[in-house]
């Protein structure tokens, strides 16, 4: 069963969107797989100390996106196809890079400096 124990809330973003992002990140990283069961809405509400309607909103949007399926009495399960997972991975990657590029621009980094820094950090990460 998927656990929300590692979920960490951040300021400035609605909690239901953070929950959706948490599930999508788990899918993109391969931690959550097709068929995995999600905890009940009541359990997630208690674990995260949020209103049950907030959890319901997140689950409903995940259902609308075709990433989970819920059945009364059977709970909710991941139903993401490999193509959906790849699309999520690309969506999340693009979003992260856009945020980083925007931050670099705000700091006054020129494109060449940013690319050089990215290369350096990428190389350092490979060595670790």
Protein backbone atom coordinates (compact mmCIF):
# COMPACT_ATOMS: atom_id res chain seq x y z
CA UNK A 1 0.00 0.00 0.00
CA UNK A 2 1.18 3.49 -0.84
CA UNK A 3 2.18 5.52 2.21
CA UNK A 4 1.83 9.26 2.67
CA UNK A 5 4.26 9.19 5.62
CA UNK A 6 6.99 10.81 3.47
CA UNK A 7 4.66 13.60 2.31
CA UNK A 8 5.92 17.07 3.24
CA UNK A 9 3.68 20.10 2.79
CA UNK A 10 5.07 23.38 1.46
CA UNK A 11 3.68 26.89 1.74
CA UNK A 12 2.06 28.62 -1.18
CA UNK A 13 0.43 25.65 -2.93
CA UNK A 14 -2.97 24.11 -2.15
CA UNK A 15 -2.58 20.84 -0.26
CA UNK A 16 -4.68 18.85 -2.73
CA UNK A 17 -2.32 19.87 -5.55
CA UNK A 18 0.64 18.85 -3.39
CA UNK A 19 -0.98 15.46 -2.83
CA UNK A 20 -1.47 15.02 -6.58
CA UNK A 21 2.16 15.99 -7.19
CA UNK A 22 3.27 13.51 -4.49
CA UNK A 23 1.47 10.67 -6.28
CA UNK A 24 2.81 11.77 -9.67
CA UNK A 25 6.36 11.98 -8.32
CA UNK A 26 5.99 8.48 -6.90
CA UNK A 27 4.83 7.23 -10.30
CA UNK A 28 7.65 9.02 -12.13
CA UNK A 29 10.24 7.60 -9.74
CA UNK A 30 8.84 4.07 -9.96
CA UNK A 31 7.94 3.97 -6.25
CA UNK A 32 4.24 3.66 -7.10
CA UNK A 33 3.24 1.07 -9.66
CA UNK A 34 0.12 0.07 -11.57
CA UNK A 35 -2.14 -1.83 -9.19
CA UNK A 36 -0.72 -0.36 -5.97
CA UNK A 37 -3.42 0.45 -3.44
CA UNK A 38 -3.83 3.94 -2.05
CA UNK A 39 -4.82 4.39 1.58
CA UNK A 40 -8.41 5.31 2.34
CA UNK A 41 -9.38 8.94 2.22
CA UNK A 42 -10.02 8.83 5.96
CA UNK A 43 -6.53 7.44 6.68
CA UNK A 44 -4.82 10.04 4.46
CA UNK A 45 -6.88 12.78 6.12
CA UNK A 46 -5.74 11.61 9.57
CA UNK A 47 -2.11 11.07 8.51
CA UNK A 48 -1.77 14.53 6.96
CA UNK A 49 -4.13 16.28 9.40
CA UNK A 50 -6.19 17.73 6.55
CA UNK A 51 -9.90 17.95 5.85
CA UNK A 52 -11.33 14.77 4.26
CA UNK A 53 -12.78 16.93 1.47
CA UNK A 54 -9.23 17.95 0.54
CA UNK A 55 -8.24 14.31 0.14
CA UNK A 56 -11.43 13.64 -1.82
CA UNK A 57 -10.60 16.51 -4.18
CA UNK A 58 -7.09 15.14 -4.82
CA UNK A 59 -8.34 11.59 -5.40
CA UNK A 60 -11.12 12.84 -7.69
CA UNK A 61 -8.63 14.75 -9.85
CA UNK A 62 -6.31 11.73 -10.01
CA UNK A 63 -9.31 9.68 -11.14
CA UNK A 64 -10.22 12.27 -13.79
CA UNK A 65 -6.65 12.10 -15.09
CA UNK A 66 -6.94 8.32 -15.30
CA UNK A 67 -4.14 7.71 -12.81
CA UNK A 68 -6.22 5.98 -10.16
CA UNK A 69 -9.47 4.07 -10.06
CA UNK A 70 -11.77 3.91 -7.05
CA UNK A 71 -14.47 1.35 -6.39
CA UNK A 72 -16.79 1.31 -3.39
CA UNK A 73 -15.63 -1.34 -0.97
CA UNK A 74 -12.48 -2.05 -3.00
CA UNK A 75 -10.60 1.19 -2.33
CA UNK A 76 -8.46 3.13 -4.78
CA UNK A 77 -5.66 1.73 -6.92
CA UNK A 78 -3.07 3.10 -9.31
CA UNK A 79 -4.12 2.54 -12.93
CA UNK A 80 -1.45 4.56 -14.75
CA UNK A 81 -0.22 3.15 -18.04
CA UNK A 82 3.49 3.20 -18.94
CA UNK A 83 2.75 6.04 -21.41
CA UNK A 84 0.99 8.06 -18.71
CA UNK A 85 3.95 7.54 -16.38
CA UNK A 86 6.37 8.73 -19.08
CA UNK A 87 4.18 11.78 -19.73
CA UNK A 88 4.16 12.57 -16.01
CA UNK A 89 7.93 12.19 -15.84
CA UNK A 90 8.34 14.67 -18.71
CA UNK A 91 5.77 17.07 -17.19
CA UNK A 92 7.49 17.07 -13.80
CA UNK A 93 10.96 17.41 -15.30
CA UNK A 94 9.88 20.33 -17.47
CA UNK A 95 8.23 22.04 -14.49
CA UNK A 96 11.33 21.65 -12.29
CA UNK A 97 13.64 22.95 -15.00
CA UNK A 98 11.37 25.92 -15.73
CA UNK A 99 11.42 26.89 -12.05
CA UNK A 100 15.20 26.58 -11.95
CA UNK A 101 15.66 28.64 -15.11
CA UNK A 102 13.37 31.35 -13.74
CA UNK A 103 15.34 31.44 -10.47
CA UNK A 104 18.64 31.67 -12.35
CA UNK A 105 17.32 34.57 -14.41
CA UNK A 106 16.12 36.36 -11.27
CA UNK A 107 19.65 36.02 -9.88
CA UNK A 108 21.09 37.58 -13.02
CA UNK A 109 22.87 34.49 -14.36
CA UNK A 110 23.53 34.56 -18.07
CA UNK A 111 22.59 31.50 -20.11
CA UNK A 112 26.24 30.48 -20.54
CA UNK A 113 26.85 30.69 -16.78
CA UNK A 114 23.72 28.68 -16.07
CA UNK A 115 24.67 25.96 -18.56
CA UNK A 116 28.21 25.79 -17.12
CA UNK A 117 26.80 25.48 -13.60
CA UNK A 118 24.37 22.77 -14.71
CA UNK A 119 27.20 20.80 -16.32
CA UNK A 120 29.33 21.13 -13.19
CA UNK A 121 26.52 19.97 -10.89
CA UNK A 122 25.60 17.12 -13.23
CA UNK A 123 29.22 15.93 -13.28
CA UNK A 124 29.49 16.19 -9.49
CA UNK A 125 26.31 14.15 -9.07
CA UNK A 126 27.66 11.41 -11.35
CA UNK A 127 30.83 11.13 -9.24
CA UNK A 128 28.91 10.61 -5.99
